[in-house]
N, C-alpha and C. Protein backbone atom coordinates (compact mmCIF):
# COMPACT_ATOMS: atom_id res chain seq x y z
N MET A 1 0.83 -1.20 0.00
CA MET A 1 0.00 0.00 0.00
C MET A 1 0.87 1.26 0.00
N THR A 2 0.52 2.20 -0.83
CA THR A 2 1.20 3.47 -0.78
C THR A 2 0.41 4.36 0.18
N ASN A 3 0.97 5.52 0.51
CA ASN A 3 0.31 6.39 1.49
C ASN A 3 -1.08 6.81 1.06
N SER A 4 -1.26 7.00 -0.23
CA SER A 4 -2.57 7.51 -0.69
C SER A 4 -3.64 6.43 -0.67
N GLY A 5 -3.30 5.26 -0.16
CA GLY A 5 -4.32 4.20 -0.07
C GLY A 5 -4.43 3.41 -1.37
N LEU A 6 -3.51 3.64 -2.30
CA LEU A 6 -3.58 2.89 -3.55
C LEU A 6 -2.78 1.60 -3.40
N ASN A 7 -3.27 0.56 -4.00
CA ASN A 7 -2.62 -0.73 -3.91
C ASN A 7 -1.80 -0.93 -5.19
N LEU A 8 -0.52 -1.22 -5.01
CA LEU A 8 0.39 -1.33 -6.18
C LEU A 8 -0.03 -2.45 -7.13
N LYS A 9 -0.63 -3.51 -6.59
CA LYS A 9 -1.06 -4.61 -7.46
C LYS A 9 -2.17 -4.13 -8.39
N VAL A 10 -2.98 -3.21 -7.89
CA VAL A 10 -4.06 -2.66 -8.74
C VAL A 10 -3.44 -1.78 -9.83
N ASP A 11 -2.39 -1.04 -9.48
CA ASP A 11 -1.67 -0.26 -10.49
C ASP A 11 -1.22 -1.22 -11.60
N GLY A 12 -0.67 -2.37 -11.19
CA GLY A 12 -0.20 -3.34 -12.15
C GLY A 12 -1.32 -3.89 -13.00
N PHE A 13 -2.45 -4.16 -12.35
CA PHE A 13 -3.63 -4.71 -13.05
C PHE A 13 -4.09 -3.72 -14.14
N ILE A 14 -4.19 -2.46 -13.75
CA ILE A 14 -4.64 -1.44 -14.71
C ILE A 14 -3.60 -1.24 -15.80
N GLY A 15 -2.33 -1.20 -15.38
CA GLY A 15 -1.23 -1.02 -16.35
C GLY A 15 -1.20 -2.09 -17.42
N LYS A 16 -1.51 -3.32 -17.02
CA LYS A 16 -1.45 -4.45 -17.97
C LYS A 16 -2.70 -4.55 -18.83
N SER A 17 -3.75 -3.84 -18.41
CA SER A 17 -5.02 -3.99 -19.09
C SER A 17 -4.92 -3.43 -20.51
N LYS A 18 -5.36 -4.23 -21.47
CA LYS A 18 -5.28 -3.78 -22.89
C LYS A 18 -6.53 -3.00 -23.30
N LYS A 19 -7.65 -3.47 -22.80
CA LYS A 19 -8.91 -2.95 -23.33
C LYS A 19 -9.57 -1.85 -22.52
N TRP A 20 -9.58 -2.00 -21.19
CA TRP A 20 -10.43 -1.14 -20.37
C TRP A 20 -9.63 -0.19 -19.47
N LYS A 21 -8.42 0.12 -19.85
CA LYS A 21 -7.54 0.90 -18.98
C LYS A 21 -8.18 2.19 -18.46
N GLU A 22 -8.73 3.02 -19.36
CA GLU A 22 -9.31 4.30 -18.94
C GLU A 22 -10.55 4.07 -18.07
N GLU A 23 -11.32 3.07 -18.44
CA GLU A 23 -12.54 2.77 -17.67
C GLU A 23 -12.16 2.34 -16.25
N TYR A 24 -11.15 1.48 -16.14
CA TYR A 24 -10.70 1.02 -14.83
C TYR A 24 -10.24 2.19 -13.98
N LYS A 25 -9.47 3.11 -14.60
CA LYS A 25 -8.96 4.26 -13.84
C LYS A 25 -10.11 5.09 -13.29
N LYS A 26 -11.09 5.32 -14.12
CA LYS A 26 -12.24 6.14 -13.71
C LYS A 26 -13.03 5.42 -12.60
N LEU A 27 -13.27 4.14 -12.78
CA LEU A 27 -14.02 3.38 -11.76
C LEU A 27 -13.27 3.40 -10.44
N ARG A 28 -11.94 3.23 -10.54
CA ARG A 28 -11.12 3.20 -9.34
C ARG A 28 -11.25 4.53 -8.58
N ASN A 29 -11.19 5.65 -9.31
CA ASN A 29 -11.31 6.96 -8.67
C ASN A 29 -12.67 7.13 -7.97
N ILE A 30 -13.70 6.67 -8.66
CA ILE A 30 -15.05 6.80 -8.08
C ILE A 30 -15.13 5.99 -6.78
N VAL A 31 -14.64 4.74 -6.86
CA VAL A 31 -14.74 3.87 -5.67
C VAL A 31 -13.90 4.43 -4.52
N LEU A 32 -12.70 4.89 -4.84
CA LEU A 32 -11.82 5.42 -3.78
C LEU A 32 -12.42 6.70 -3.16
N ASP A 33 -13.17 7.44 -3.93
CA ASP A 33 -13.85 8.63 -3.37
C ASP A 33 -14.83 8.23 -2.27
N CYS A 34 -15.27 6.99 -2.32
CA CYS A 34 -16.23 6.52 -1.32
C CYS A 34 -15.51 5.95 -0.07
N GLU A 35 -14.22 6.22 0.00
CA GLU A 35 -13.41 5.88 1.17
C GLU A 35 -13.38 4.39 1.49
N LEU A 36 -13.28 3.59 0.46
CA LEU A 36 -13.11 2.15 0.69
C LEU A 36 -11.63 1.83 0.65
N THR A 37 -11.27 0.67 1.17
CA THR A 37 -9.88 0.23 1.16
C THR A 37 -9.63 -0.55 -0.12
N GLU A 38 -8.58 -0.19 -0.82
CA GLU A 38 -8.27 -0.87 -2.08
C GLU A 38 -7.42 -2.10 -1.81
N GLU A 39 -7.91 -3.22 -2.27
CA GLU A 39 -7.15 -4.48 -2.13
C GLU A 39 -7.11 -5.17 -3.49
N TYR A 40 -6.39 -6.27 -3.52
CA TYR A 40 -6.29 -7.02 -4.77
C TYR A 40 -6.63 -8.47 -4.44
N LYS A 41 -7.81 -8.91 -4.86
CA LYS A 41 -8.26 -10.27 -4.55
C LYS A 41 -8.77 -10.94 -5.81
N TRP A 42 -8.64 -12.22 -5.89
CA TRP A 42 -9.14 -12.98 -7.06
C TRP A 42 -8.62 -12.35 -8.36
N MET A 43 -7.39 -11.85 -8.30
CA MET A 43 -6.73 -11.25 -9.48
C MET A 43 -7.44 -9.99 -9.97
N HIS A 44 -8.20 -9.31 -9.10
CA HIS A 44 -8.91 -8.10 -9.49
C HIS A 44 -8.85 -7.05 -8.39
N PRO A 45 -9.01 -5.77 -8.77
CA PRO A 45 -9.14 -4.73 -7.74
C PRO A 45 -10.43 -4.97 -6.97
N CYS A 46 -10.29 -5.02 -5.64
CA CYS A 46 -11.44 -5.30 -4.77
C CYS A 46 -11.43 -4.25 -3.68
N TYR A 47 -12.61 -3.72 -3.37
CA TYR A 47 -12.69 -2.62 -2.43
C TYR A 47 -13.50 -3.05 -1.21
N THR A 48 -12.90 -2.80 -0.02
CA THR A 48 -13.52 -3.32 1.19
C THR A 48 -13.83 -2.21 2.19
N PHE A 49 -14.75 -2.53 3.07
CA PHE A 49 -15.10 -1.66 4.19
C PHE A 49 -14.98 -2.52 5.44
N GLN A 50 -14.07 -2.13 6.34
CA GLN A 50 -13.81 -2.93 7.55
C GLN A 50 -13.65 -4.42 7.22
N ASN A 51 -12.80 -4.67 6.23
CA ASN A 51 -12.48 -6.04 5.77
C ASN A 51 -13.63 -6.80 5.13
N LYS A 52 -14.73 -6.13 4.85
CA LYS A 52 -15.84 -6.80 4.14
C LYS A 52 -15.80 -6.36 2.67
N ASN A 53 -15.94 -7.32 1.78
CA ASN A 53 -15.91 -7.00 0.34
C ASN A 53 -17.17 -6.21 -0.03
N ILE A 54 -16.95 -5.07 -0.68
CA ILE A 54 -18.09 -4.25 -1.11
C ILE A 54 -18.24 -4.34 -2.62
N VAL A 55 -17.14 -4.06 -3.33
CA VAL A 55 -17.26 -3.97 -4.81
C VAL A 55 -15.94 -4.38 -5.44
N LEU A 56 -16.04 -4.94 -6.64
CA LEU A 56 -14.88 -5.43 -7.37
C LEU A 56 -14.95 -4.88 -8.79
N ILE A 57 -13.79 -4.57 -9.35
CA ILE A 57 -13.76 -4.08 -10.73
C ILE A 57 -13.29 -5.24 -11.61
N HIS A 58 -14.02 -5.54 -12.64
CA HIS A 58 -13.53 -6.59 -13.55
C HIS A 58 -13.97 -6.30 -14.99
N GLY A 59 -13.28 -6.96 -15.90
CA GLY A 59 -13.54 -6.70 -17.31
C GLY A 59 -13.71 -8.00 -18.10
N PHE A 60 -14.50 -7.92 -19.12
CA PHE A 60 -14.74 -9.05 -20.01
C PHE A 60 -14.51 -8.55 -21.44
N LYS A 61 -14.72 -9.43 -22.40
CA LYS A 61 -14.49 -9.03 -23.77
C LYS A 61 -15.46 -7.90 -24.18
N GLU A 62 -16.72 -8.04 -23.81
CA GLU A 62 -17.76 -7.12 -24.25
C GLU A 62 -17.95 -5.88 -23.37
N TYR A 63 -17.54 -6.00 -22.13
CA TYR A 63 -17.80 -4.89 -21.18
C TYR A 63 -16.88 -5.00 -19.98
N CYS A 64 -16.80 -3.90 -19.23
CA CYS A 64 -16.14 -3.98 -17.93
C CYS A 64 -17.27 -3.69 -16.92
N ALA A 65 -17.01 -4.01 -15.65
CA ALA A 65 -18.13 -3.91 -14.70
C ALA A 65 -17.67 -3.63 -13.28
N LEU A 66 -18.58 -3.06 -12.53
CA LEU A 66 -18.44 -2.99 -11.08
C LEU A 66 -19.31 -4.11 -10.56
N LEU A 67 -18.72 -4.96 -9.74
CA LEU A 67 -19.45 -6.10 -9.19
C LEU A 67 -19.72 -5.83 -7.71
N PHE A 68 -20.99 -5.74 -7.35
CA PHE A 68 -21.35 -5.55 -5.94
C PHE A 68 -21.53 -6.91 -5.31
N HIS A 69 -20.74 -7.20 -4.27
CA HIS A 69 -20.76 -8.54 -3.66
C HIS A 69 -22.13 -8.89 -3.09
N LYS A 70 -22.83 -7.89 -2.56
CA LYS A 70 -24.16 -8.16 -2.03
C LYS A 70 -25.19 -7.35 -2.82
N GLY A 71 -25.00 -7.28 -4.13
CA GLY A 71 -25.86 -6.48 -4.98
C GLY A 71 -27.33 -6.85 -4.88
N ALA A 72 -27.62 -8.09 -4.53
CA ALA A 72 -29.02 -8.53 -4.44
C ALA A 72 -29.77 -7.76 -3.33
N LEU A 73 -29.01 -7.19 -2.40
CA LEU A 73 -29.63 -6.46 -1.31
C LEU A 73 -29.83 -4.98 -1.58
N LEU A 74 -29.29 -4.50 -2.70
CA LEU A 74 -29.43 -3.08 -3.03
C LEU A 74 -30.81 -2.80 -3.61
N LYS A 75 -31.29 -1.57 -3.41
CA LYS A 75 -32.63 -1.23 -3.92
C LYS A 75 -32.67 -1.17 -5.43
N ASP A 76 -31.55 -0.81 -6.05
CA ASP A 76 -31.48 -0.69 -7.52
C ASP A 76 -32.56 0.19 -8.08
N SER A 77 -32.68 1.42 -7.53
CA SER A 77 -33.73 2.33 -7.96
C SER A 77 -33.59 2.73 -9.43
N ASN A 78 -32.38 2.57 -10.01
CA ASN A 78 -32.20 2.93 -11.42
C ASN A 78 -32.34 1.71 -12.34
N GLY A 79 -32.56 0.53 -11.75
CA GLY A 79 -32.73 -0.66 -12.56
C GLY A 79 -31.52 -1.01 -13.42
N ILE A 80 -30.31 -0.83 -12.85
CA ILE A 80 -29.09 -1.04 -13.64
C ILE A 80 -28.26 -2.25 -13.19
N LEU A 81 -28.69 -2.91 -12.12
CA LEU A 81 -27.90 -4.06 -11.64
C LEU A 81 -28.24 -5.31 -12.46
N ILE A 82 -27.21 -6.05 -12.81
CA ILE A 82 -27.39 -7.22 -13.64
C ILE A 82 -26.93 -8.47 -12.88
N GLN A 83 -27.76 -9.51 -12.92
CA GLN A 83 -27.41 -10.79 -12.34
C GLN A 83 -26.68 -11.56 -13.43
N GLN A 84 -25.42 -11.94 -13.20
CA GLN A 84 -24.63 -12.56 -14.27
C GLN A 84 -25.26 -13.84 -14.83
N THR A 85 -25.57 -14.76 -13.95
CA THR A 85 -26.30 -15.97 -14.38
C THR A 85 -27.32 -16.25 -13.30
N GLU A 86 -28.30 -17.10 -13.56
CA GLU A 86 -29.32 -17.26 -12.56
C GLU A 86 -28.79 -18.02 -11.34
N ASN A 87 -27.62 -18.65 -11.45
CA ASN A 87 -27.07 -19.33 -10.28
C ASN A 87 -26.38 -18.37 -9.31
N VAL A 88 -26.09 -17.16 -9.78
CA VAL A 88 -25.44 -16.18 -8.90
C VAL A 88 -26.52 -15.60 -7.99
N GLN A 89 -26.39 -15.83 -6.69
CA GLN A 89 -27.47 -15.41 -5.81
C GLN A 89 -27.24 -14.04 -5.19
N ALA A 90 -25.99 -13.69 -4.88
CA ALA A 90 -25.75 -12.45 -4.11
C ALA A 90 -25.25 -11.30 -4.98
N ALA A 91 -24.26 -11.57 -5.82
CA ALA A 91 -23.56 -10.50 -6.54
C ALA A 91 -24.39 -9.94 -7.70
N ARG A 92 -24.18 -8.65 -7.98
CA ARG A 92 -24.81 -8.02 -9.14
C ARG A 92 -23.79 -7.09 -9.78
N GLN A 93 -23.90 -6.89 -11.09
CA GLN A 93 -22.95 -6.04 -11.82
C GLN A 93 -23.64 -4.80 -12.37
N ILE A 94 -22.83 -3.75 -12.53
CA ILE A 94 -23.24 -2.63 -13.37
C ILE A 94 -22.21 -2.64 -14.49
N ARG A 95 -22.66 -2.72 -15.73
CA ARG A 95 -21.75 -2.91 -16.88
C ARG A 95 -21.53 -1.60 -17.65
N PHE A 96 -20.34 -1.50 -18.22
CA PHE A 96 -19.97 -0.31 -19.00
C PHE A 96 -19.22 -0.72 -20.26
N THR A 97 -19.39 0.10 -21.31
CA THR A 97 -18.61 -0.15 -22.50
C THR A 97 -17.79 1.07 -22.90
N SER A 98 -17.86 2.15 -22.10
CA SER A 98 -17.06 3.34 -22.39
C SER A 98 -16.85 4.20 -21.14
N VAL A 99 -15.78 4.99 -21.17
CA VAL A 99 -15.50 5.90 -20.06
C VAL A 99 -16.66 6.88 -19.93
N GLN A 100 -17.18 7.33 -21.06
CA GLN A 100 -18.28 8.28 -21.08
C GLN A 100 -19.45 7.81 -20.21
N GLU A 101 -19.81 6.54 -20.35
CA GLU A 101 -20.92 5.99 -19.57
C GLU A 101 -20.63 6.11 -18.08
N ILE A 102 -19.38 5.80 -17.70
CA ILE A 102 -19.00 5.83 -16.29
C ILE A 102 -19.07 7.27 -15.77
N VAL A 103 -18.56 8.21 -16.56
CA VAL A 103 -18.57 9.62 -16.17
C VAL A 103 -20.01 10.10 -15.97
N GLU A 104 -20.88 9.73 -16.89
CA GLU A 104 -22.27 10.17 -16.79
C GLU A 104 -22.98 9.57 -15.57
N MET A 105 -22.53 8.38 -15.16
CA MET A 105 -23.20 7.68 -14.06
C MET A 105 -22.52 7.88 -12.71
N GLU A 106 -21.51 8.72 -12.68
CA GLU A 106 -20.69 8.83 -11.45
C GLU A 106 -21.51 9.01 -10.18
N ALA A 107 -22.46 9.94 -10.20
CA ALA A 107 -23.27 10.20 -9.00
C ALA A 107 -24.10 8.98 -8.61
N ILE A 108 -24.65 8.30 -9.61
CA ILE A 108 -25.45 7.09 -9.34
C ILE A 108 -24.57 6.01 -8.75
N LEU A 109 -23.38 5.83 -9.36
CA LEU A 109 -22.47 4.79 -8.90
C LEU A 109 -22.10 5.03 -7.43
N LYS A 110 -21.81 6.27 -7.11
CA LYS A 110 -21.44 6.60 -5.72
C LYS A 110 -22.60 6.30 -4.78
N SER A 111 -23.81 6.60 -5.23
CA SER A 111 -24.94 6.33 -4.34
C SER A 111 -25.12 4.81 -4.12
N TYR A 112 -24.85 4.01 -5.18
CA TYR A 112 -24.94 2.56 -5.04
C TYR A 112 -23.84 2.04 -4.12
N ILE A 113 -22.63 2.58 -4.28
CA ILE A 113 -21.52 2.12 -3.44
C ILE A 113 -21.82 2.47 -1.99
N ASN A 114 -22.31 3.69 -1.76
CA ASN A 114 -22.63 4.10 -0.38
C ASN A 114 -23.74 3.23 0.21
N GLU A 115 -24.70 2.86 -0.64
CA GLU A 115 -25.77 2.00 -0.16
C GLU A 115 -25.18 0.62 0.21
N ALA A 116 -24.25 0.15 -0.61
CA ALA A 116 -23.60 -1.15 -0.34
C ALA A 116 -22.84 -1.11 0.97
N ILE A 117 -22.24 0.05 1.27
CA ILE A 117 -21.51 0.20 2.55
C ILE A 117 -22.52 0.18 3.70
N GLU A 118 -23.67 0.82 3.50
CA GLU A 118 -24.71 0.83 4.54
C GLU A 118 -25.24 -0.60 4.80
N VAL A 119 -25.38 -1.36 3.73
CA VAL A 119 -25.83 -2.75 3.84
C VAL A 119 -24.85 -3.52 4.74
N GLU A 120 -23.57 -3.28 4.50
CA GLU A 120 -22.50 -3.93 5.30
C GLU A 120 -22.53 -3.47 6.75
N LYS A 121 -22.67 -2.15 6.94
CA LYS A 121 -22.72 -1.61 8.32
C LYS A 121 -23.88 -2.20 9.08
N ALA A 122 -24.99 -2.42 8.37
CA ALA A 122 -26.19 -2.95 9.03
C ALA A 122 -26.08 -4.46 9.26
N GLY A 123 -25.02 -5.06 8.72
CA GLY A 123 -24.82 -6.50 8.91
C GLY A 123 -25.79 -7.36 8.14
N LEU A 124 -26.36 -6.80 7.07
CA LEU A 124 -27.34 -7.58 6.29
C LEU A 124 -26.63 -8.69 5.51
N GLU A 125 -27.32 -9.80 5.38
CA GLU A 125 -26.77 -10.96 4.64
C GLU A 125 -27.76 -11.35 3.56
N VAL A 126 -27.22 -11.86 2.47
CA VAL A 126 -28.08 -12.39 1.42
C VAL A 126 -28.57 -13.76 1.91
N VAL A 127 -29.88 -13.97 1.85
CA VAL A 127 -30.41 -15.26 2.23
C VAL A 127 -30.35 -16.18 1.01
N PHE A 128 -29.49 -17.17 1.08
CA PHE A 128 -29.35 -18.08 -0.06
C PHE A 128 -30.50 -19.06 -0.07
N LYS A 129 -30.92 -19.41 -1.27
CA LYS A 129 -31.99 -20.41 -1.40
C LYS A 129 -31.46 -21.73 -0.86
N LYS A 130 -32.28 -22.38 -0.09
CA LYS A 130 -31.92 -23.72 0.38
C LYS A 130 -32.32 -24.70 -0.72
N ASN A 131 -31.69 -25.87 -0.71
CA ASN A 131 -32.02 -26.84 -1.75
C ASN A 131 -33.49 -27.25 -1.71
N THR A 132 -34.06 -27.17 -0.53
CA THR A 132 -35.47 -27.56 -0.40
C THR A 132 -36.35 -26.63 -1.24
N GLU A 133 -35.82 -25.46 -1.58
CA GLU A 133 -36.62 -24.53 -2.38
C GLU A 133 -36.54 -24.86 -3.89
N TYR A 134 -35.69 -25.77 -4.23
CA TYR A 134 -35.64 -26.20 -5.64
C TYR A 134 -36.47 -27.45 -5.75
N THR A 135 -37.32 -27.50 -6.76
CA THR A 135 -38.21 -28.65 -6.87
C THR A 135 -37.46 -29.81 -7.56
N ILE A 136 -37.47 -30.91 -6.92
CA ILE A 136 -36.85 -32.11 -7.51
C ILE A 136 -37.83 -32.66 -8.54
N PRO A 137 -37.39 -32.85 -9.79
CA PRO A 137 -38.32 -33.38 -10.81
C PRO A 137 -38.80 -34.80 -10.45
N ASP A 138 -40.07 -35.08 -10.82
CA ASP A 138 -40.67 -36.38 -10.47
C ASP A 138 -39.82 -37.56 -10.87
N GLU A 139 -39.22 -37.48 -12.08
CA GLU A 139 -38.44 -38.59 -12.58
C GLU A 139 -37.28 -38.94 -11.62
N PHE A 140 -36.71 -37.91 -11.04
CA PHE A 140 -35.58 -38.12 -10.12
C PHE A 140 -36.11 -38.56 -8.75
N GLN A 141 -37.21 -37.93 -8.32
CA GLN A 141 -37.83 -38.27 -7.03
C GLN A 141 -38.23 -39.75 -7.02
N ASN A 142 -38.83 -40.22 -8.13
CA ASN A 142 -39.25 -41.63 -8.21
C ASN A 142 -38.06 -42.56 -8.06
N LYS A 143 -36.97 -42.18 -8.73
CA LYS A 143 -35.75 -42.99 -8.68
C LYS A 143 -35.18 -43.01 -7.26
N LEU A 144 -35.23 -41.85 -6.58
CA LEU A 144 -34.73 -41.77 -5.19
C LEU A 144 -35.59 -42.65 -4.29
N ASP A 145 -36.92 -42.64 -4.54
CA ASP A 145 -37.82 -43.44 -3.72
C ASP A 145 -37.61 -44.93 -3.91
N GLU A 146 -37.31 -45.31 -5.15
CA GLU A 146 -37.15 -46.77 -5.39
C GLU A 146 -35.74 -47.27 -5.09
N MET A 147 -34.80 -46.35 -4.95
CA MET A 147 -33.41 -46.76 -4.65
C MET A 147 -32.88 -46.02 -3.39
N PRO A 148 -33.11 -46.61 -2.21
CA PRO A 148 -32.66 -45.92 -0.97
C PRO A 148 -31.16 -45.59 -1.01
N ALA A 149 -30.36 -46.43 -1.64
CA ALA A 149 -28.91 -46.16 -1.69
C ALA A 149 -28.63 -44.86 -2.46
N LEU A 150 -29.41 -44.64 -3.50
CA LEU A 150 -29.25 -43.42 -4.31
C LEU A 150 -29.63 -42.20 -3.50
N LYS A 151 -30.72 -42.33 -2.74
CA LYS A 151 -31.19 -41.22 -1.91
C LYS A 151 -30.12 -40.87 -0.87
N THR A 152 -29.56 -41.87 -0.23
CA THR A 152 -28.52 -41.64 0.77
C THR A 152 -27.32 -40.97 0.14
N ALA A 153 -26.90 -41.50 -1.02
CA ALA A 153 -25.74 -40.94 -1.71
C ALA A 153 -25.97 -39.48 -2.09
N PHE A 154 -27.20 -39.20 -2.57
CA PHE A 154 -27.52 -37.83 -2.99
C PHE A 154 -27.50 -36.88 -1.81
N GLU A 155 -28.04 -37.34 -0.68
CA GLU A 155 -28.11 -36.48 0.51
C GLU A 155 -26.71 -36.19 1.08
N LYS A 156 -25.75 -37.05 0.76
CA LYS A 156 -24.38 -36.85 1.24
C LYS A 156 -23.61 -35.83 0.41
N LEU A 157 -24.11 -35.52 -0.79
CA LEU A 157 -23.42 -34.56 -1.66
C LEU A 157 -23.52 -33.16 -1.07
N THR A 158 -22.58 -32.29 -1.44
CA THR A 158 -22.63 -30.92 -0.96
C THR A 158 -23.88 -30.24 -1.56
N PRO A 159 -24.40 -29.20 -0.88
CA PRO A 159 -25.58 -28.51 -1.42
C PRO A 159 -25.39 -28.02 -2.86
N GLY A 160 -24.20 -27.55 -3.16
CA GLY A 160 -23.93 -27.06 -4.52
C GLY A 160 -24.08 -28.17 -5.55
N ARG A 161 -23.53 -29.34 -5.20
CA ARG A 161 -23.61 -30.48 -6.13
C ARG A 161 -25.06 -30.97 -6.27
N GLN A 162 -25.77 -30.97 -5.16
CA GLN A 162 -27.19 -31.37 -5.23
C GLN A 162 -27.94 -30.44 -6.17
N ARG A 163 -27.70 -29.11 -5.99
CA ARG A 163 -28.36 -28.12 -6.82
C ARG A 163 -28.05 -28.34 -8.30
N ALA A 164 -26.77 -28.60 -8.59
CA ALA A 164 -26.38 -28.77 -9.99
C ALA A 164 -27.15 -29.94 -10.61
N TYR A 165 -27.26 -31.04 -9.88
CA TYR A 165 -28.03 -32.18 -10.42
C TYR A 165 -29.50 -31.83 -10.60
N ILE A 166 -30.08 -31.16 -9.59
CA ILE A 166 -31.51 -30.84 -9.67
C ILE A 166 -31.78 -29.92 -10.89
N PHE A 167 -30.90 -28.92 -11.05
CA PHE A 167 -31.03 -28.03 -12.23
C PHE A 167 -30.95 -28.84 -13.50
N TYR A 168 -29.93 -29.70 -13.57
CA TYR A 168 -29.66 -30.45 -14.80
C TYR A 168 -30.81 -31.41 -15.11
N PHE A 169 -31.33 -32.09 -14.10
CA PHE A 169 -32.42 -33.02 -14.32
C PHE A 169 -33.74 -32.30 -14.62
N SER A 170 -33.87 -31.07 -14.16
CA SER A 170 -35.14 -30.34 -14.39
C SER A 170 -35.19 -29.68 -15.74
N GLU A 171 -34.04 -29.42 -16.35
CA GLU A 171 -33.99 -28.64 -17.59
C GLU A 171 -34.87 -29.12 -18.73
N PRO A 172 -34.74 -30.41 -19.13
CA PRO A 172 -35.47 -30.82 -20.35
C PRO A 172 -36.97 -30.70 -20.15
N LYS A 173 -37.64 -30.38 -21.27
CA LYS A 173 -39.10 -30.23 -21.21
C LYS A 173 -39.80 -31.60 -21.19
N GLN A 174 -39.17 -32.57 -21.85
CA GLN A 174 -39.80 -33.89 -21.96
C GLN A 174 -39.39 -34.82 -20.83
N SER A 175 -40.36 -35.51 -20.31
CA SER A 175 -40.14 -36.44 -19.20
C SER A 175 -39.11 -37.51 -19.59
N LYS A 176 -39.21 -37.97 -20.85
CA LYS A 176 -38.33 -39.03 -21.33
C LYS A 176 -36.85 -38.60 -21.22
N THR A 177 -36.60 -37.34 -21.62
CA THR A 177 -35.22 -36.82 -21.55
C THR A 177 -34.78 -36.68 -20.11
N ARG A 178 -35.69 -36.23 -19.23
CA ARG A 178 -35.34 -36.08 -17.83
C ARG A 178 -34.99 -37.45 -17.25
N GLU A 179 -35.80 -38.47 -17.63
CA GLU A 179 -35.55 -39.81 -17.14
C GLU A 179 -34.19 -40.34 -17.60
N SER A 180 -33.85 -40.08 -18.87
CA SER A 180 -32.59 -40.61 -19.37
C SER A 180 -31.40 -39.91 -18.70
N ARG A 181 -31.57 -38.64 -18.37
CA ARG A 181 -30.50 -37.93 -17.65
C ARG A 181 -30.30 -38.54 -16.26
N VAL A 182 -31.39 -38.82 -15.58
CA VAL A 182 -31.32 -39.42 -14.24
C VAL A 182 -30.61 -40.78 -14.34
N GLU A 183 -31.03 -41.60 -15.35
CA GLU A 183 -30.38 -42.91 -15.57
C GLU A 183 -28.90 -42.76 -15.77
N LYS A 184 -28.54 -41.81 -16.64
CA LYS A 184 -27.14 -41.64 -17.02
C LYS A 184 -26.26 -41.27 -15.84
N TYR A 185 -26.81 -40.49 -14.89
CA TYR A 185 -25.97 -39.97 -13.79
C TYR A 185 -26.18 -40.70 -12.46
N LYS A 186 -27.05 -41.71 -12.49
CA LYS A 186 -27.33 -42.49 -11.28
C LYS A 186 -26.04 -43.00 -10.63
N GLN A 187 -25.20 -43.64 -11.43
CA GLN A 187 -23.97 -44.25 -10.92
C GLN A 187 -23.01 -43.18 -10.35
N GLN A 188 -22.97 -42.04 -11.03
CA GLN A 188 -22.08 -40.98 -10.60
C GLN A 188 -22.49 -40.46 -9.20
N ILE A 189 -23.79 -40.38 -8.98
CA ILE A 189 -24.30 -39.95 -7.66
C ILE A 189 -23.94 -41.02 -6.63
N LEU A 190 -24.14 -42.27 -7.00
CA LEU A 190 -23.80 -43.38 -6.08
C LEU A 190 -22.32 -43.36 -5.73
N ASP A 191 -21.51 -42.92 -6.68
CA ASP A 191 -20.07 -42.84 -6.42
C ASP A 191 -19.66 -41.58 -5.64
N GLY A 192 -20.67 -40.78 -5.27
CA GLY A 192 -20.41 -39.58 -4.48
C GLY A 192 -19.81 -38.44 -5.28
N LYS A 193 -20.04 -38.48 -6.59
CA LYS A 193 -19.45 -37.44 -7.45
C LYS A 193 -20.47 -36.38 -7.86
N GLY A 194 -19.99 -35.18 -8.10
CA GLY A 194 -20.83 -34.11 -8.60
C GLY A 194 -21.02 -34.26 -10.09
N LEU A 195 -21.90 -33.46 -10.64
CA LEU A 195 -22.24 -33.48 -12.05
C LEU A 195 -21.00 -33.34 -12.95
N ASN A 196 -20.09 -32.46 -12.57
CA ASN A 196 -18.93 -32.18 -13.44
C ASN A 196 -17.61 -32.79 -12.95
N ASP A 197 -17.72 -33.71 -11.97
CA ASP A 197 -16.48 -34.32 -11.45
C ASP A 197 -15.89 -35.34 -12.42
């Protein structure tokens, strides 16, 4: 850390950036104005308040973004927060494709960052969906009922792995396809493995 609160690793990250250098610099200034601590985590500039992650700067091919770790708890009065995929429960992004966009949104961004800090100060937590809130498709439920060993093996899997299977088995519209997926992965569940292991 330098005296001004800048993290040298973030300097390096921005320096090496080919595509979003100016955008990153602008986002960094906005975030630092909100008096957060600049850190470098998960290979990205990450900004914390009392050691709690508030916001992260990252870039992709099509856009760069501010990622709010507990974005799901923000009011999003401007309707600009994006959920990356439906499996992401807590984090939300605000995406940009130019410095101009960031400059125009500076006041809004600061209000969102300040709200995120307030969420942290209040100790609010994102309530993650429990697996019981995901509906197990009938084809899989029938198989679990007729094979106690499969049920036991499934219950021993981590919640994330259970979710992945439930999602995967629920996806197809046709019962026949759902059944064949369950058949295909039965042994893998019995072996205590996740969908992608």
